[in-house]
Amino acid sequence: MKLGDISEANVQLQSPQATLSMQHHISLDQLQKAISKAGGYTIAENQNETRHSLNEGKPASWLATYKPVLLIGVYLLAATLLPYVKKDFTMESWMPNFMAGFFLTFSFFKLLDLKGFAQSYSTYDIIAIRWSSWGFVYAFIELGLGIAYLLHIKPLLVNGVSFVIMSVSIIGVLQSVFNKRKIKCACLGVVFNLPMSTVTIIEDALMILMSGMLITQLI
C-alpha cells in the first residue's frame, strides 16, 4: 500500500495468494522489493487470473463478467422446463430437476481443477479456512447431491443436507460481500474469473430456498 499506486490489497497466506488493485501498473520487481521488507516472501504473477482491463482504463462490464453464470442459468432453465411443454408444470416436480442440474454443473467445473478450487475456497468459506481439505470434500458432496436429486433418492435426507450445506456456505459469501473483499468466487471452480458479489449470494440463497420448500412439502 505504501507504493502509492496500489488502491487495494488482499493477501491470503494460507492459500497463498494476493489480489492487488492498481491505479497504474507496477512491475513485479517493484512489488518484490516492497514485500521483501516484510520478510522472506516472494510474489509471482498468476497468468490465468491477471486482468488486463487496467491497460484500457475500463473494467469489464457486468454482463461480460457474469456471462458464464447467466448462460448456465439459461441452459438449466431450458433443460428443466422444456419437458413440461407436454405435461403439467408443478414446482414440486421441477425444483428437484433444477437442483440436480445445478449441483452437477457446478461440481463439474470444480472437479476440472479440484486443487485450485480447494485453495480458492479456503480464502472465504468458514469451514475451509479452518480445514483446507473441506474444499475437496465439498466438490464431491455437490456431485453426490446432483446425482441424488436426479434419481430422487431419499428426498427428505437429500434436501436436508442441501439446506445445511448451502446455509453454511452462504455465511462466508455474506461476510466477503459485506466486508467488500475483492476476491475470486469459487462457485465455478477456477475456470472462470468471477468476483464475489450479490450474484453468489443469490445462487446459494436460491438453493437454500428450494431445499427448504421441498422439506416443508415432504414433512
C-alpha atoms as a PDB file:
ATOM      1  CA  MET A   1       0.000   0.000   0.000  1.00  0.00           C
ATOM      2  CA  LYS A   2       2.983   2.316   0.552  1.00  0.00           C
ATOM      3  CA  LEU A   3       3.814   2.177  -3.155  1.00  0.00           C
ATOM      4  CA  GLY A   4       1.070   4.696  -3.812  1.00  0.00           C
ATOM      5  CA  ASP A   5      -0.492   3.220  -6.944  1.00  0.00           C
ATOM      6  CA  ILE A   6      -1.893   0.233  -5.017  1.00  0.00           C
ATOM      7  CA  SER A   7      -5.504   1.150  -4.234  1.00  0.00           C
ATOM      8  CA  GLU A   8      -6.380  -2.138  -2.527  1.00  0.00           C
ATOM      9  CA  ALA A   9      -4.511  -5.261  -1.435  1.00  0.00           C
ATOM     10  CA  ASN A  10      -5.925  -8.533  -0.172  1.00  0.00           C
ATOM     11  CA  VAL A  11      -3.379 -11.131   0.939  1.00  0.00           C
ATOM     12  CA  GLN A  12      -4.117 -14.701   1.986  1.00  0.00           C
ATOM     13  CA  LEU A  13      -1.057 -16.513   3.316  1.00  0.00           C
ATOM     14  CA  GLN A  14      -2.877 -19.819   3.826  1.00  0.00           C
ATOM     15  CA  SER A  15      -3.669 -20.328   0.124  1.00  0.00           C
ATOM     16  CA  PRO A  16      -1.321 -18.412  -0.602  1.00  0.00           C
ATOM     17  CA  GLN A  17      -2.395 -15.655  -2.954  1.00  0.00           C
ATOM     18  CA  ALA A  18      -2.589 -11.886  -3.242  1.00  0.00           C
ATOM     19  CA  THR A  19      -5.115  -9.781  -5.129  1.00  0.00           C
ATOM     20  CA  LEU A  20      -3.952  -6.246  -5.909  1.00  0.00           C
ATOM     21  CA  SER A  21      -5.894  -3.345  -7.378  1.00  0.00           C
ATOM     22  CA  MET A  22      -3.647  -0.776  -9.070  1.00  0.00           C
ATOM     23  CA  GLN A  23      -4.346   2.709 -10.324  1.00  0.00           C
ATOM     24  CA  HIS A  24      -1.267   2.398 -12.559  1.00  0.00           C
ATOM     25  CA  HIS A  25       0.742  -0.683 -13.452  1.00  0.00           C
ATOM     26  CA  ILE A  26       3.519  -1.605 -11.022  1.00  0.00           C
ATOM     27  CA  SER A  27       6.201  -4.019 -12.161  1.00  0.00           C
ATOM     28  CA  LEU A  28       6.748  -7.352 -10.452  1.00  0.00           C
ATOM     29  CA  ASP A  29      10.261  -6.239  -9.427  1.00  0.00           C
ATOM     30  CA  GLN A  30       8.852  -3.234  -7.584  1.00  0.00           C
ATOM     31  CA  LEU A  31       6.311  -5.422  -5.813  1.00  0.00           C
ATOM     32  CA  GLN A  32       9.014  -7.935  -4.865  1.00  0.00           C
ATOM     33  CA  LYS A  33      11.197  -5.220  -3.354  1.00  0.00           C
ATOM     34  CA  ALA A  34       8.255  -3.905  -1.361  1.00  0.00           C
ATOM     35  CA  ILE A  35       7.170  -7.219   0.173  1.00  0.00           C
ATOM     36  CA  SER A  36      10.754  -8.401   0.808  1.00  0.00           C
ATOM     37  CA  LYS A  37      10.854  -5.760   3.557  1.00  0.00           C
ATOM     38  CA  ALA A  38       8.143  -7.722   5.371  1.00  0.00           C
ATOM     39  CA  GLY A  39      10.156 -10.961   5.469  1.00  0.00           C
ATOM     40  CA  GLY A  40      11.199 -13.786   3.187  1.00  0.00           C
ATOM     41  CA  TYR A  41       8.172 -13.588   0.936  1.00  0.00           C
ATOM     42  CA  THR A  42       8.183 -13.838  -2.840  1.00  0.00           C
ATOM     43  CA  ILE A  43       5.495 -12.914  -5.340  1.00  0.00           C
ATOM     44  CA  ALA A  44       4.800 -14.267  -8.835  1.00  0.00           C
ATOM     45  CA  GLU A  45       2.176 -13.330 -11.387  1.00  0.00           C
ATOM     46  CA  ASN A  46      -0.743 -15.708 -11.847  1.00  0.00           C
ATOM     47  CA  GLN A  47      -1.053 -15.765 -15.621  1.00  0.00           C
ATOM     48  CA  ASN A  48      -4.517 -17.358 -15.505  1.00  0.00           C
ATOM     49  CA  GLU A  49      -6.078 -14.655 -13.342  1.00  0.00           C
ATOM     50  CA  THR A  50      -4.368 -11.423 -14.353  1.00  0.00           C
ATOM     51  CA  ARG A  51      -6.880  -8.939 -15.707  1.00  0.00           C
ATOM     52  CA  HIS A  52      -5.594  -6.522 -18.324  1.00  0.00           C
ATOM     53  CA  SER A  53      -8.542  -4.146 -18.261  1.00  0.00           C
ATOM     54  CA  LEU A  54      -6.287  -1.661 -16.487  1.00  0.00           C
ATOM     55  CA  ASN A  55      -4.407  -1.134 -19.720  1.00  0.00           C
ATOM     56  CA  GLU A  56      -7.576   0.196 -21.302  1.00  0.00           C
ATOM     57  CA  GLY A  57      -8.695   2.050 -18.190  1.00  0.00           C
ATOM     58  CA  LYS A  58     -12.113   0.366 -18.306  1.00  0.00           C
ATOM     59  CA  PRO A  59     -13.260  -2.535 -16.110  1.00  0.00           C
ATOM     60  CA  ALA A  60     -15.160  -5.422 -17.657  1.00  0.00           C
ATOM     61  CA  SER A  61     -18.920  -4.846 -17.886  1.00  0.00           C
ATOM     62  CA  TRP A  62     -21.319  -6.616 -15.530  1.00  0.00           C
ATOM     63  CA  LEU A  63     -22.683  -8.699 -18.409  1.00  0.00           C
ATOM     64  CA  ALA A  64     -19.213  -9.761 -19.568  1.00  0.00           C
ATOM     65  CA  THR A  65     -18.165 -10.648 -16.022  1.00  0.00           C
ATOM     66  CA  TYR A  66     -21.164 -12.821 -15.210  1.00  0.00           C
ATOM     67  CA  LYS A  67     -21.777 -14.231 -18.688  1.00  0.00           C
ATOM     68  CA  PRO A  68     -20.785 -17.825 -17.666  1.00  0.00           C
ATOM     69  CA  VAL A  69     -23.237 -17.852 -14.737  1.00  0.00           C
ATOM     70  CA  LEU A  70     -26.034 -16.340 -16.822  1.00  0.00           C
ATOM     71  CA  LEU A  71     -25.528 -18.866 -19.629  1.00  0.00           C
ATOM     72  CA  ILE A  72     -25.539 -21.760 -17.181  1.00  0.00           C
ATOM     73  CA  GLY A  73     -28.764 -20.425 -15.647  1.00  0.00           C
ATOM     74  CA  VAL A  74     -30.437 -20.142 -19.057  1.00  0.00           C
ATOM     75  CA  TYR A  75     -29.357 -23.665 -20.052  1.00  0.00           C
ATOM     76  CA  LEU A  76     -30.565 -25.150 -16.757  1.00  0.00           C
ATOM     77  CA  LEU A  77     -33.923 -23.404 -17.030  1.00  0.00           C
ATOM     78  CA  ALA A  78     -34.369 -24.531 -20.630  1.00  0.00           C
ATOM     79  CA  ALA A  79     -33.357 -28.142 -19.910  1.00  0.00           C
ATOM     80  CA  THR A  80     -35.647 -28.447 -16.891  1.00  0.00           C
ATOM     81  CA  LEU A  81     -38.646 -26.507 -18.246  1.00  0.00           C
ATOM     82  CA  LEU A  82     -38.872 -27.912 -21.789  1.00  0.00           C
ATOM     83  CA  PRO A  83     -40.212 -31.326 -20.640  1.00  0.00           C
ATOM     84  CA  TYR A  84     -43.270 -29.500 -19.267  1.00  0.00           C
ATOM     85  CA  VAL A  85     -44.340 -28.460 -22.749  1.00  0.00           C
ATOM     86  CA  LYS A  86     -46.118 -31.820 -22.967  1.00  0.00           C
ATOM     87  CA  LYS A  87     -47.182 -32.157 -19.331  1.00  0.00           C
ATOM     88  CA  ASP A  88     -48.493 -30.018 -16.495  1.00  0.00           C
ATOM     89  CA  PHE A  89     -45.921 -27.935 -14.639  1.00  0.00           C
ATOM     90  CA  THR A  90     -45.583 -28.275 -10.867  1.00  0.00           C
ATOM     91  CA  MET A  91     -42.952 -26.680  -8.641  1.00  0.00           C
ATOM     92  CA  GLU A  92     -42.675 -29.924  -6.646  1.00  0.00           C
ATOM     93  CA  SER A  93     -41.507 -31.908  -9.669  1.00  0.00           C
ATOM     94  CA  TRP A  94     -39.465 -29.103 -11.305  1.00  0.00           C
ATOM     95  CA  MET A  95     -37.321 -27.990  -8.357  1.00  0.00           C
ATOM     96  CA  PRO A  96     -35.500 -31.328  -7.805  1.00  0.00           C
ATOM     97  CA  ASN A  97     -34.614 -31.470 -11.508  1.00  0.00           C
ATOM     98  CA  PHE A  98     -33.294 -27.900 -11.483  1.00  0.00           C
ATOM     99  CA  MET A  99     -31.274 -28.567  -8.329  1.00  0.00           C
ATOM    100  CA  ALA A 100     -29.871 -31.747  -9.891  1.00  0.00           C
ATOM    101  CA  GLY A 101     -28.671 -29.762 -12.892  1.00  0.00           C
ATOM    102  CA  PHE A 102     -27.302 -27.007 -10.652  1.00  0.00           C
ATOM    103  CA  PHE A 103     -25.223 -29.286  -8.436  1.00  0.00           C
ATOM    104  CA  LEU A 104     -23.987 -31.476 -11.298  1.00  0.00           C
ATOM    105  CA  THR A 105     -22.931 -28.463 -13.382  1.00  0.00           C
ATOM    106  CA  PHE A 106     -21.217 -26.596 -10.571  1.00  0.00           C
ATOM    107  CA  SER A 107     -19.434 -29.716  -9.304  1.00  0.00           C
ATOM    108  CA  PHE A 108     -18.210 -30.403 -12.857  1.00  0.00           C
ATOM    109  CA  PHE A 109     -16.387 -27.080 -13.029  1.00  0.00           C
ATOM    110  CA  LYS A 110     -14.950 -27.580  -9.542  1.00  0.00           C
ATOM    111  CA  LEU A 111     -13.629 -31.034 -10.447  1.00  0.00           C
ATOM    112  CA  LEU A 112     -11.804 -29.685 -13.521  1.00  0.00           C
ATOM    113  CA  ASP A 113      -9.207 -28.293 -11.108  1.00  0.00           C
ATOM    114  CA  LEU A 114     -10.046 -29.701  -7.702  1.00  0.00           C
ATOM    115  CA  LYS A 115      -6.868 -28.490  -6.007  1.00  0.00           C
ATOM    116  CA  GLY A 116      -7.271 -24.995  -7.414  1.00  0.00           C
ATOM    117  CA  PHE A 117     -10.893 -24.882  -6.245  1.00  0.00           C
ATOM    118  CA  ALA A 118      -9.965 -26.040  -2.735  1.00  0.00           C
ATOM    119  CA  GLN A 119      -7.298 -23.345  -2.468  1.00  0.00           C
ATOM    120  CA  SER A 120      -9.635 -20.621  -3.710  1.00  0.00           C
ATOM    121  CA  TYR A 121     -12.486 -21.821  -1.491  1.00  0.00           C
ATOM    122  CA  SER A 122     -10.254 -21.689   1.584  1.00  0.00           C
ATOM    123  CA  THR A 123      -9.954 -17.907   1.209  1.00  0.00           C
ATOM    124  CA  TYR A 124     -13.538 -17.253   2.323  1.00  0.00           C
ATOM    125  CA  ASP A 125     -15.536 -20.344   3.363  1.00  0.00           C
ATOM    126  CA  ILE A 126     -15.844 -20.565   7.151  1.00  0.00           C
ATOM    127  CA  ILE A 127     -15.085 -24.306   7.223  1.00  0.00           C
ATOM    128  CA  ALA A 128     -12.408 -24.376   4.508  1.00  0.00           C
ATOM    129  CA  ILE A 129     -10.500 -21.572   6.275  1.00  0.00           C
ATOM    130  CA  ARG A 130     -10.058 -23.877   9.275  1.00  0.00           C
ATOM    131  CA  TRP A 131      -9.878 -27.187   7.372  1.00  0.00           C
ATOM    132  CA  SER A 132      -8.255 -26.801   3.955  1.00  0.00           C
ATOM    133  CA  SER A 133      -9.394 -30.268   2.793  1.00  0.00           C
ATOM    134  CA  TRP A 134     -13.032 -29.222   3.054  1.00  0.00           C
ATOM    135  CA  GLY A 135     -12.914 -27.889  -0.499  1.00  0.00           C
ATOM    136  CA  PHE A 136     -12.074 -31.386  -1.806  1.00  0.00           C
ATOM    137  CA  VAL A 137     -14.953 -32.894   0.186  1.00  0.00           C
ATOM    138  CA  TYR A 138     -17.401 -30.148  -0.777  1.00  0.00           C
ATOM    139  CA  ALA A 139     -16.988 -30.706  -4.522  1.00  0.00           C
ATOM    140  CA  PHE A 140     -17.912 -34.385  -4.162  1.00  0.00           C
ATOM    141  CA  ILE A 141     -20.827 -33.557  -1.865  1.00  0.00           C
ATOM    142  CA  GLU A 142     -22.220 -31.353  -4.645  1.00  0.00           C
ATOM    143  CA  LEU A 143     -21.722 -34.179  -7.133  1.00  0.00           C
ATOM    144  CA  GLY A 144     -23.496 -36.623  -4.817  1.00  0.00           C
ATOM    145  CA  LEU A 145     -26.395 -34.218  -4.280  1.00  0.00           C
ATOM    146  CA  GLY A 146     -26.783 -33.746  -8.020  1.00  0.00           C
ATOM    147  CA  ILE A 147     -26.986 -37.495  -8.608  1.00  0.00           C
ATOM    148  CA  ALA A 148     -29.364 -37.976  -5.668  1.00  0.00           C
ATOM    149  CA  TYR A 149     -31.736 -35.265  -6.931  1.00  0.00           C
ATOM    150  CA  LEU A 150     -31.617 -36.729 -10.425  1.00  0.00           C
ATOM    151  CA  LEU A 151     -32.502 -40.213  -9.191  1.00  0.00           C
ATOM    152  CA  HIS A 152     -34.911 -38.964  -6.485  1.00  0.00           C
ATOM    153  CA  ILE A 153     -33.032 -40.825  -3.755  1.00  0.00           C
ATOM    154  CA  LYS A 154     -34.234 -40.191  -0.166  1.00  0.00           C
ATOM    155  CA  PRO A 155     -35.616 -36.715  -0.926  1.00  0.00           C
ATOM    156  CA  LEU A 156     -36.038 -35.615   2.699  1.00  0.00           C
ATOM    157  CA  LEU A 157     -32.451 -36.503   3.623  1.00  0.00           C
ATOM    158  CA  VAL A 158     -31.011 -35.013   0.430  1.00  0.00           C
ATOM    159  CA  ASN A 159     -32.904 -31.759   0.849  1.00  0.00           C
ATOM    160  CA  GLY A 160     -31.849 -31.594   4.483  1.00  0.00           C
ATOM    161  CA  VAL A 161     -28.186 -31.970   3.521  1.00  0.00           C
ATOM    162  CA  SER A 162     -28.578 -29.343   0.797  1.00  0.00           C
ATOM    163  CA  PHE A 163     -30.189 -26.902   3.203  1.00  0.00           C
ATOM    164  CA  VAL A 164     -27.429 -27.300   5.800  1.00  0.00           C
ATOM    165  CA  ILE A 165     -24.522 -27.290   3.311  1.00  0.00           C
ATOM    166  CA  MET A 166     -25.721 -24.223   1.431  1.00  0.00           C
ATOM    167  CA  SER A 167     -26.641 -22.375   4.638  1.00  0.00           C
ATOM    168  CA  VAL A 168     -23.093 -22.851   5.929  1.00  0.00           C
ATOM    169  CA  SER A 169     -21.616 -21.937   2.538  1.00  0.00           C
ATOM    170  CA  ILE A 170     -23.516 -18.654   2.295  1.00  0.00           C
ATOM    171  CA  ILE A 171     -22.046 -17.376   5.593  1.00  0.00           C
ATOM    172  CA  GLY A 172     -18.561 -16.943   4.129  1.00  0.00           C
ATOM    173  CA  VAL A 173     -20.045 -15.409   0.992  1.00  0.00           C
ATOM    174  CA  LEU A 174     -22.036 -12.872   3.001  1.00  0.00           C
ATOM    175  CA  GLN A 175     -19.009 -11.965   5.091  1.00  0.00           C
ATOM    176  CA  SER A 176     -16.883 -11.400   1.990  1.00  0.00           C
ATOM    177  CA  VAL A 177     -19.516  -9.310   0.185  1.00  0.00           C
ATOM    178  CA  PHE A 178     -20.438  -7.176   3.215  1.00  0.00           C
ATOM    179  CA  ASN A 179     -16.752  -6.599   4.024  1.00  0.00           C
ATOM    180  CA  LYS A 180     -16.252  -5.607   0.362  1.00  0.00           C
ATOM    181  CA  ARG A 181     -13.414  -8.070  -0.108  1.00  0.00           C
ATOM    182  CA  LYS A 182     -12.379  -8.212  -3.754  1.00  0.00           C
ATOM    183  CA  ILE A 183     -11.722 -11.934  -4.021  1.00  0.00           C
ATOM    184  CA  LYS A 184     -12.494 -14.596  -6.562  1.00  0.00           C
ATOM    185  CA  CYS A 185     -15.680 -16.628  -6.210  1.00  0.00           C
ATOM    186  CA  ALA A 186     -15.026 -20.376  -6.401  1.00  0.00           C
ATOM    187  CA  CYS A 187     -18.623 -21.331  -7.269  1.00  0.00           C
ATOM    188  CA  LEU A 188     -17.487 -22.393 -10.755  1.00  0.00           C
ATOM    189  CA  GLY A 189     -14.070 -23.556  -9.631  1.00  0.00           C
ATOM    190  CA  VAL A 190     -11.087 -21.667 -11.034  1.00  0.00           C
ATOM    191  CA  VAL A 191     -12.072 -21.937 -14.699  1.00  0.00           C
ATOM    192  CA  PHE A 192     -13.733 -18.506 -14.713  1.00  0.00           C
ATOM    193  CA  ASN A 193     -12.583 -15.326 -13.016  1.00  0.00           C
ATOM    194  CA  LEU A 194     -15.823 -14.471 -11.193  1.00  0.00           C
ATOM    195  CA  PRO A 195     -15.721 -11.878  -8.405  1.00  0.00           C
ATOM    196  CA  MET A 196     -17.520 -12.441  -5.123  1.00  0.00           C
ATOM    197  CA  SER A 197     -20.755 -10.461  -5.264  1.00  0.00           C
ATOM    198  CA  THR A 198     -24.502 -10.462  -4.674  1.00  0.00           C
ATOM    199  CA  VAL A 199     -24.800 -12.891  -7.623  1.00  0.00           C
ATOM    200  CA  THR A 200     -23.068 -15.520  -5.479  1.00  0.00           C
ATOM    201  CA  ILE A 201     -25.454 -14.772  -2.618  1.00  0.00           C
ATOM    202  CA  ILE A 202     -28.436 -15.255  -4.954  1.00  0.00           C
ATOM    203  CA  GLU A 203     -27.076 -18.624  -6.153  1.00  0.00           C
ATOM    204  CA  ASP A 204     -26.696 -20.003  -2.627  1.00  0.00           C
ATOM    205  CA  ALA A 205     -29.924 -18.427  -1.379  1.00  0.00           C
ATOM    206  CA  LEU A 206     -31.863 -19.990  -4.268  1.00  0.00           C
ATOM    207  CA  MET A 207     -30.675 -23.476  -3.304  1.00  0.00           C
ATOM    208  CA  ILE A 208     -31.489 -22.824   0.357  1.00  0.00           C
ATOM    209  CA  LEU A 209     -34.979 -21.603  -0.573  1.00  0.00           C
ATOM    210  CA  MET A 210     -35.724 -24.541  -2.877  1.00  0.00           C
ATOM    211  CA  SER A 211     -34.452 -27.180  -0.449  1.00  0.00           C
ATOM    212  CA  GLY A 212     -36.414 -25.528   2.376  1.00  0.00           C
ATOM    213  CA  MET A 213     -39.611 -25.520   0.312  1.00  0.00           C
ATOM    214  CA  LEU A 214     -39.173 -29.182  -0.601  1.00  0.00           C
ATOM    215  CA  ILE A 215     -38.517 -30.117   3.045  1.00  0.00           C
ATOM    216  CA  THR A 216     -41.772 -28.466   4.168  1.00  0.00           C
ATOM    217  CA  GLN A 217     -43.671 -30.366   1.478  1.00  0.00           C
ATOM    218  CA  LEU A 218     -42.127 -33.691   2.483  1.00  0.00           C
ATOM    219  CA  ILE A 219     -42.642 -33.414   6.232  1.00  0.00           C
END
